[in-house]
Protein backbone atom coordinates (compact mmCIF):
# COMPACT_ATOMS: atom_id res chain seq x y z
CA MET A 1 -31.43 -3.27 -31.93
CA SER A 2 -31.29 -5.74 -29.03
CA SER A 3 -30.66 -9.42 -29.40
CA THR A 4 -34.33 -10.12 -28.59
CA GLY A 5 -35.54 -8.13 -31.60
CA SER A 6 -36.91 -5.23 -29.55
CA ALA A 7 -36.08 -1.61 -30.36
CA THR A 8 -34.97 -1.21 -26.75
CA LEU A 9 -32.21 -2.92 -24.80
CA GLY A 10 -33.35 -5.55 -22.34
CA ILE A 11 -31.56 -5.08 -19.01
CA ALA A 12 -31.72 -7.59 -16.17
CA VAL A 13 -30.98 -6.42 -12.64
CA ALA A 14 -29.40 -8.88 -10.23
CA GLY A 15 -30.06 -7.76 -6.69
CA ALA A 16 -33.31 -6.08 -5.67
CA GLY A 17 -31.92 -4.10 -2.75
CA LEU A 18 -31.53 -0.34 -2.40
CA ILE A 19 -29.17 0.28 -5.30
CA GLY A 20 -30.81 -2.41 -7.46
CA ARG A 21 -34.17 -0.68 -7.17
CA ARG A 22 -32.59 2.64 -8.08
CA HIS A 23 -31.14 1.06 -11.21
CA ILE A 24 -34.59 -0.32 -12.03
CA GLU A 25 -36.14 3.15 -11.73
CA LEU A 26 -33.57 4.51 -14.16
CA ILE A 27 -34.10 1.64 -16.61
CA GLN A 28 -37.83 2.31 -16.57
CA ALA A 29 -37.25 6.03 -17.16
CA ASN A 30 -34.82 5.59 -20.06
CA PRO A 31 -36.43 5.25 -23.52
CA ARG A 32 -33.51 3.11 -24.68
CA THR A 33 -34.00 0.41 -22.04
CA ARG A 34 -36.58 -1.96 -20.64
CA LEU A 35 -36.37 -4.12 -17.54
CA CYS A 36 -36.42 -7.72 -18.75
CA ALA A 37 -35.87 -9.59 -15.46
CA VAL A 38 -35.16 -9.36 -11.75
CA VAL A 39 -32.66 -11.82 -10.31
CA ASP A 40 -32.63 -12.28 -6.54
CA PRO A 41 -32.92 -15.33 -4.24
CA GLN A 42 -34.88 -13.50 -1.54
CA PRO A 43 -38.57 -14.55 -1.41
CA ALA A 44 -39.79 -10.93 -1.26
CA SER A 45 -38.11 -10.19 -4.59
CA LYS A 46 -40.52 -12.53 -6.37
CA ASP A 47 -43.49 -10.35 -5.39
CA PHE A 48 -41.47 -7.27 -6.26
CA ALA A 49 -40.83 -8.60 -9.78
CA ALA A 50 -44.48 -9.57 -10.14
CA GLY A 51 -45.46 -6.00 -9.28
CA LEU A 52 -43.20 -4.82 -12.08
CA ARG A 53 -44.66 -7.46 -14.43
CA VAL A 54 -41.27 -8.91 -15.31
CA PRO A 55 -39.88 -12.45 -14.93
CA HIS A 56 -38.14 -13.37 -11.69
CA PHE A 57 -35.17 -15.69 -11.32
CA GLU A 58 -33.36 -16.84 -8.21
CA SER A 59 -29.94 -16.94 -9.91
CA LEU A 60 -28.12 -15.75 -13.01
CA GLU A 61 -27.77 -19.36 -14.09
CA ASP A 62 -31.57 -19.65 -14.04
CA LEU A 63 -31.83 -16.41 -16.03
CA PHE A 64 -29.52 -17.57 -18.81
CA THR A 65 -31.25 -20.94 -19.12
CA GLY A 66 -34.70 -19.31 -18.97
CA PRO A 67 -37.12 -18.37 -21.74
CA ALA A 68 -35.88 -16.44 -24.75
CA GLY A 69 -38.06 -13.44 -23.94
CA ALA A 70 -36.20 -12.90 -20.69
CA GLN A 71 -32.70 -13.09 -22.14
CA PRO A 72 -30.87 -9.82 -21.46
CA ASP A 73 -28.74 -7.62 -23.66
CA GLY A 74 -26.97 -6.52 -20.50
CA VAL A 75 -26.96 -7.24 -16.77
CA ILE A 76 -26.57 -4.85 -13.86
CA LEU A 77 -24.96 -6.62 -10.90
CA ALA A 78 -26.30 -4.89 -7.80
CA THR A 79 -25.68 -7.84 -5.50
CA PRO A 80 -23.74 -7.93 -2.20
CA ASN A 81 -20.01 -7.36 -2.65
CA HIS A 82 -18.93 -10.98 -2.39
CA LEU A 83 -21.23 -11.90 -5.29
CA HIS A 84 -19.87 -9.34 -7.77
CA VAL A 85 -17.12 -11.55 -9.20
CA PRO A 86 -19.21 -14.76 -9.34
CA GLY A 87 -21.96 -12.84 -11.14
CA ALA A 88 -19.53 -11.22 -13.56
CA LEU A 89 -18.03 -14.64 -14.33
CA VAL A 90 -21.46 -16.02 -15.25
CA CYS A 91 -22.08 -13.03 -17.53
CA ALA A 92 -18.65 -13.51 -19.12
CA GLN A 93 -19.42 -17.19 -19.69
CA HIS A 94 -22.52 -16.18 -21.65
CA ARG A 95 -20.77 -13.21 -23.35
CA VAL A 96 -23.31 -10.73 -21.93
CA PRO A 97 -22.07 -7.23 -21.01
CA ALA A 98 -22.34 -6.36 -17.34
CA LEU A 99 -22.36 -3.25 -15.20
CA ILE A 100 -20.74 -4.34 -11.94
CA GLU A 101 -21.60 -2.26 -8.90
CA LYS A 102 -18.60 -1.08 -6.94
CA PRO A 103 -16.43 -2.49 -5.54
CA VAL A 104 -15.53 -4.70 -8.48
CA ALA A 105 -14.78 -7.46 -5.94
CA ASP A 106 -14.74 -7.96 -2.19
CA SER A 107 -11.01 -8.78 -2.27
CA LEU A 108 -8.08 -7.90 -4.48
CA GLU A 109 -7.45 -11.56 -5.23
CA ALA A 110 -11.01 -12.09 -6.47
CA GLY A 111 -10.77 -9.00 -8.66
CA LEU A 112 -7.50 -10.20 -10.16
CA GLN A 113 -9.11 -13.55 -10.92
CA LEU A 114 -11.90 -11.79 -12.80
CA ALA A 115 -9.37 -9.76 -14.79
CA GLU A 116 -7.57 -12.97 -15.76
CA VAL A 117 -10.78 -14.60 -16.96
CA LEU A 118 -11.73 -11.55 -19.01
CA ALA A 119 -8.31 -11.58 -20.63
CA HIS A 120 -9.23 -14.98 -22.11
CA ASN A 121 -12.96 -14.32 -22.53
CA PRO A 122 -13.32 -10.67 -23.62
CA THR A 123 -16.73 -9.40 -22.56
CA PRO A 124 -17.61 -5.72 -22.13
CA MET A 125 -17.63 -4.94 -18.40
CA LEU A 126 -18.23 -1.56 -16.82
CA VAL A 127 -17.64 -0.97 -13.10
CA GLY A 128 -20.13 1.25 -11.31
CA HIS A 129 -17.97 4.05 -9.96
CA HIS A 130 -20.76 6.33 -11.11
CA ARG A 131 -19.31 9.50 -9.60
CA ARG A 132 -16.93 9.71 -12.56
CA TYR A 133 -19.98 10.77 -14.56
CA SER A 134 -20.59 13.63 -12.10
CA SER A 135 -20.34 17.05 -13.73
CA THR A 136 -19.02 18.35 -10.39
CA LEU A 137 -16.19 15.84 -10.23
CA GLN A 138 -15.36 16.36 -13.90
CA ALA A 139 -15.20 20.14 -13.39
CA ALA A 140 -12.93 19.71 -10.37
CA ARG A 141 -10.63 17.39 -12.32
CA LYS A 142 -10.48 19.85 -15.21
CA ALA A 143 -9.55 22.70 -12.86
CA ILE A 144 -6.79 20.68 -11.22
CA HIS A 145 -5.38 19.39 -14.51
CA SER A 146 -5.48 22.89 -16.03
CA GLY A 147 -2.86 24.02 -13.53
CA LEU A 148 -5.21 26.41 -11.74
CA LEU A 149 -3.92 25.21 -8.37
CA GLY A 150 -0.31 24.88 -9.45
CA ARG A 151 1.33 21.74 -8.09
CA VAL A 152 -1.02 19.87 -5.75
CA VAL A 153 0.57 19.65 -2.30
CA THR A 154 -2.13 18.53 0.15
CA VAL A 155 -5.50 16.77 -0.03
CA THR A 156 -8.04 16.59 2.79
CA GLY A 157 -11.05 14.30 2.47
CA SER A 158 -14.04 13.28 4.53
CA ALA A 159 -16.84 10.72 4.32
CA GLN A 160 -18.65 11.15 7.62
CA PHE A 161 -22.33 10.30 8.07
CA TYR A 162 -24.70 8.27 10.22
CA LYS A 163 -26.23 5.04 8.89
CA PRO A 164 -29.46 4.16 10.73
CA ASP A 165 -29.98 0.78 12.35
CA SER A 166 -32.52 -0.10 9.64
CA TYR A 167 -29.71 0.01 7.05
CA PHE A 168 -28.06 -2.96 8.72
CA ALA A 169 -31.36 -4.73 9.42
CA GLN A 170 -32.18 -4.63 5.69
CA GLY A 171 -28.87 -6.28 4.82
CA ALA A 172 -27.24 -8.32 7.57
CA TRP A 173 -24.15 -8.82 5.35
CA ARG A 174 -23.30 -5.14 5.91
CA ALA A 175 -22.29 -5.92 9.50
CA GLN A 176 -20.00 -8.76 8.44
CA PRO A 177 -16.46 -8.78 6.99
CA GLY A 178 -16.52 -7.26 3.51
CA GLY A 179 -19.58 -5.15 4.26
CA GLY A 180 -18.20 -2.27 6.31
CA PRO A 181 -17.73 1.35 5.20
CA ILE A 182 -14.20 0.69 3.93
CA LEU A 183 -15.50 -1.47 1.08
CA ILE A 184 -18.98 0.04 0.74
CA ASN A 185 -18.04 3.73 0.98
CA LEU A 186 -14.27 4.24 0.95
CA ILE A 187 -13.97 2.50 -2.41
CA HIS A 188 -15.88 5.48 -3.91
CA GLU A 189 -13.60 7.96 -2.18
CA MET A 190 -10.39 6.28 -3.29
CA ASP A 191 -11.68 6.27 -6.86
CA ASN A 192 -12.59 9.96 -6.59
CA LEU A 193 -9.19 10.92 -5.23
CA ARG A 194 -7.40 8.89 -7.91
CA TYR A 195 -9.54 10.57 -10.55
CA LEU A 196 -8.76 14.04 -9.20
CA CYS A 197 -5.19 13.77 -7.98
CA GLY A 198 -3.59 10.76 -9.66
CA GLU A 199 -2.41 7.40 -8.39
CA LEU A 200 -1.74 6.66 -4.74
CA GLU A 201 1.68 5.44 -3.71
CA SER A 202 1.14 4.38 -0.09
CA VAL A 203 -1.26 4.58 2.84
CA HIS A 204 -1.21 4.32 6.61
CA ALA A 205 -4.48 3.75 8.43
CA VAL A 206 -6.07 2.99 11.79
CA ALA A 207 -9.65 1.83 12.39
CA SER A 208 -12.14 1.21 15.17
CA HIS A 209 -15.47 -0.55 15.69
CA ALA A 210 -15.92 0.83 19.19
CA VAL A 211 -19.32 2.40 18.55
CA ARG A 212 -21.29 -0.23 16.65
CA GLN A 213 -19.32 -3.24 17.94
CA PHE A 214 -19.82 -5.05 14.61
CA ALA A 215 -17.36 -7.51 13.11
CA VAL A 216 -16.32 -4.71 10.75
CA GLU A 217 -15.03 -1.19 11.29
CA ASP A 218 -17.30 1.81 11.73
CA THR A 219 -14.52 4.42 11.66
CA ALA A 220 -11.13 4.79 9.98
CA VAL A 221 -8.56 7.55 9.60
CA MET A 222 -5.74 7.39 7.07
CA THR A 223 -2.79 9.28 5.68
CA LEU A 224 -2.13 9.12 1.95
CA LYS A 225 0.92 9.63 -0.22
CA PHE A 226 0.32 10.19 -3.92
CA ALA A 227 2.72 9.24 -6.68
CA SER A 228 3.04 12.96 -7.45
CA GLY A 229 4.43 13.57 -3.97
CA ALA A 230 1.22 15.18 -2.66
CA LEU A 231 0.17 14.17 0.85
CA GLY A 232 -3.36 13.70 2.14
CA THR A 233 -5.57 12.70 5.03
CA PHE A 234 -8.98 11.06 4.96
CA THR A 235 -11.56 10.47 7.70
CA LEU A 236 -14.27 7.82 7.29
CA SER A 237 -17.12 7.03 9.67
CA ASP A 238 -20.65 5.69 9.30
CA THR A 239 -21.58 6.38 12.91
CA VAL A 240 -21.20 10.17 13.33
CA ALA A 241 -23.78 12.92 12.98
CA ALA A 242 -21.91 15.01 10.42
CA PRO A 243 -22.75 16.55 7.02
CA ARG A 244 -19.36 16.16 5.35
CA SER A 245 -19.78 13.37 2.84
CA TRP A 246 -20.23 13.34 -0.93
CA GLU A 247 -23.84 12.22 -0.61
CA GLN A 248 -24.77 15.06 1.75
CA THR A 249 -22.85 17.81 -0.04
CA SER A 250 -23.10 17.12 -3.78
CA GLY A 251 -26.90 17.03 -4.04
CA GLU A 252 -26.67 14.31 -6.69
CA ASN A 253 -28.97 11.92 -4.85
CA ALA A 254 -32.26 13.36 -3.62
CA ALA A 255 -32.57 10.55 -1.05
CA TYR A 256 -30.05 12.37 1.16
CA ALA A 257 -30.50 15.65 2.99
CA ARG A 258 -28.21 18.23 1.39
CA TYR A 259 -25.96 20.80 3.01
CA PRO A 260 -24.80 22.89 0.04
CA SER A 261 -22.44 25.09 2.07
CA GLN A 262 -20.36 22.08 3.12
CA ASP A 263 -17.51 20.32 1.32
CA CYS A 264 -16.00 16.88 1.54
CA TYR A 265 -12.66 17.47 -0.24
CA PHE A 266 -10.16 20.30 -0.04
CA ILE A 267 -7.28 20.26 -2.51
CA ALA A 268 -4.45 22.77 -2.10
CA GLY A 269 -1.61 23.58 -4.45
CA THR A 270 1.21 26.06 -4.85
CA ARG A 271 -0.97 28.61 -6.67
CA GLY A 272 -4.43 28.02 -5.27
CA SER A 273 -6.91 25.70 -3.63
CA LEU A 274 -10.24 24.10 -4.44
CA ALA A 275 -13.16 22.94 -2.29
CA VAL A 276 -15.35 20.12 -3.61
CA PRO A 277 -18.25 19.94 -4.32
CA THR A 278 -18.95 23.66 -3.86
CA LEU A 279 -16.19 24.24 -6.46
CA HIS A 280 -15.06 27.36 -4.61
CA THR A 281 -11.53 28.38 -5.53
CA TRP A 282 -8.93 30.58 -3.90
CA THR A 283 -6.07 31.73 -6.15
CA HIS A 284 -3.41 34.40 -6.00
CA ALA A 285 -3.97 37.08 -8.60
CA PRO A 286 -0.88 38.03 -10.62
CA ALA A 287 1.03 40.44 -8.42
CA SER A 288 2.06 43.77 -9.93
CA THR A 289 4.95 43.93 -7.49
CA GLY A 290 6.59 41.36 -5.30
CA GLU A 291 5.70 37.72 -4.97
CA PRO A 292 2.44 36.14 -3.71
CA GLY A 293 2.39 34.94 -0.12
CA TRP A 294 0.27 34.68 2.98
CA ASN A 295 -0.23 38.44 3.03
CA THR A 296 -1.52 38.49 -0.57
CA PRO A 297 -5.32 38.63 -0.97
CA PHE A 298 -6.92 35.72 -2.76
CA THR A 299 -9.17 35.93 -5.78
CA GLU A 300 -12.23 33.87 -4.89
CA LYS A 301 -14.50 32.32 -7.50
CA ASN A 302 -17.01 29.53 -7.95
CA ILE A 303 -16.79 27.22 -10.94
CA THR A 304 -20.22 26.95 -12.59
CA LEU A 305 -21.62 23.90 -14.37
CA ASP A 306 -24.76 22.15 -15.60
CA ALA A 307 -25.59 19.34 -13.20
CA VAL A 308 -26.40 15.83 -14.44
CA ASP A 309 -27.59 12.66 -12.70
CA PRO A 310 -24.44 10.48 -12.64
CA LEU A 311 -26.40 7.21 -12.42
CA ALA A 312 -28.53 8.16 -15.41
CA ALA A 313 -25.40 9.14 -17.34
CA GLN A 314 -23.83 5.84 -16.38
CA LEU A 315 -26.84 3.90 -17.72
CA ALA A 316 -26.66 5.84 -21.00
CA HIS A 317 -22.97 4.92 -21.29
CA PHE A 318 -23.77 1.27 -20.50
CA CYS A 319 -26.27 1.28 -23.38
CA ASP A 320 -23.56 2.59 -25.71
CA LEU A 321 -21.26 -0.13 -24.43
CA ILE A 322 -23.84 -2.83 -25.16
CA ASP A 323 -24.42 -1.41 -28.64
CA GLY A 324 -20.69 -1.38 -29.33
CA LYS A 325 -20.61 2.41 -29.64
CA ALA A 326 -18.28 3.05 -26.69
CA GLU A 327 -15.53 1.53 -24.58
CA PRO A 328 -15.94 1.31 -20.80
CA ILE A 329 -14.61 4.42 -19.12
CA ILE A 330 -14.12 2.46 -15.90
CA THR A 331 -12.74 -0.97 -16.73
CA VAL A 332 -12.16 -3.86 -14.37
CA ALA A 333 -8.42 -3.06 -14.49
CA ASP A 334 -9.05 0.59 -13.59
CA ALA A 335 -11.42 -0.34 -10.78
CA LEU A 336 -8.82 -2.76 -9.46
CA GLN A 337 -6.53 0.20 -8.79
CA SER A 338 -9.16 1.70 -6.50
CA LEU A 339 -9.68 -1.70 -4.88
CA ARG A 340 -5.91 -2.00 -4.47
CA ALA A 341 -5.95 1.32 -2.59
CA VAL A 342 -8.68 0.03 -0.30
CA GLU A 343 -6.80 -3.23 0.21
CA ALA A 344 -3.74 -1.21 1.19
CA VAL A 345 -5.89 0.57 3.80
CA ARG A 346 -7.12 -2.77 5.15
CA ARG A 347 -3.62 -4.22 5.31
CA SER A 348 -2.30 -1.12 7.02
CA ILE A 349 -5.02 -1.44 9.66
CA ALA A 350 -4.12 -5.11 10.16
CA THR A 351 -0.35 -4.56 10.37
CA GLY A 352 -0.13 -1.09 11.82
CA GLY A 353 2.40 -0.06 9.18
CA VAL A 354 2.63 1.91 5.96
CA VAL A 355 1.58 -0.14 2.93
CA ALA A 356 2.88 0.64 -0.56
CA LEU A 357 0.40 -0.15 -3.31
CA GLN A 358 3.15 -1.53 -5.55
CA ASP A 359 3.83 -4.21 -2.93
CA LEU A 360 0.35 -5.66 -3.39
CA ALA A 361 0.11 -8.58 -5.77
CA THR A 362 -0.61 -7.83 -9.40
CA LYS A 363 -1.50 -11.40 -10.31
CA LYS A 364 -2.78 -14.40 -8.41
CA ARG A 365 -3.02 -18.02 -9.43
CA GLN A 366 -6.64 -18.83 -10.21
CA PRO A 367 -8.58 -21.57 -8.47
CA GLU A 368 -9.08 -24.61 -10.67
CA HIS A 369 -12.69 -23.79 -11.65
CA LEU A 370 -11.66 -20.32 -12.83
CA GLU A 371 -8.77 -21.76 -14.83
CA ARG A 372 -11.23 -24.05 -16.63
CA LEU A 373 -13.46 -21.09 -17.49
CA ALA A 374 -10.51 -19.11 -18.82
CA SER A 375 -9.26 -21.96 -20.99
């Protein structure tokens, strides 16, 4: 039962952009939830909320001081990156659970500040790395952790696609520092690779903005070293006509054209290899004589699964979190590890050198206003 006395959970969505509207669709489709408010300072969002017949507020502060009927049981923060931590802090102040869209913060320091506040003001917070709910990603992780591939040796990844000009026109912040593909897209990839292959140890990266000429990168290439000793490469670009990205290969979001024969990750180990998301595997069959090698035929198989909508599964988990029936599977601390990986990429680009994740700060002194909130 929600705090408002309704049999459903009232969810407010802050940010009425692309991802915010997708969250709203899912809330409306889920029998456990109802949209109780839209929070967005843009004038057009007021008409949008009116069309949905829900209250509109320009800020979270206005929401929490608004009428009782609009008070949420939970808040989804689908705002621009630099507003994730401020919004989460307001929710923490009012002890309201929040689902924070990725990245958890637009900088490592801001994310660490949020973690410090939550340590003093425990409030359930779930970070929206929704691909962890993907049945494809879970099946790939299970295969790797089962030892099917042996010891993982190399990892190759790709997030290459073309964002149309309208994407940037709809959100000018996306062409400014903090809004490029490293924070918007690579944060997903780093979380995926951590989930599949374990923690990263160090990165070396180069980037360019030669095509779009924005204040942020449009392309980056990096080399990765995992704590396990595995080595990897990753190519990121939002300005190439290519089908090798999670969105265009997994088929988990119908908004994107799908190329089901393509993969975006290739993970190779001492006994076999795995392509994701096709989940095609190549393994050496037990040899009756001799040892397996490059002359030994592979056994090829496809891992089968029942597909789910990761965003819908994430909302169901958020409901359980609000009801106190579950713990967040992606905490602020966990998400900070993926943000730390992205920060290492950014620092490597800035310095030209290899950046070890352990060299990045684990704690920062909070600004005075955050210290007051934590006290």
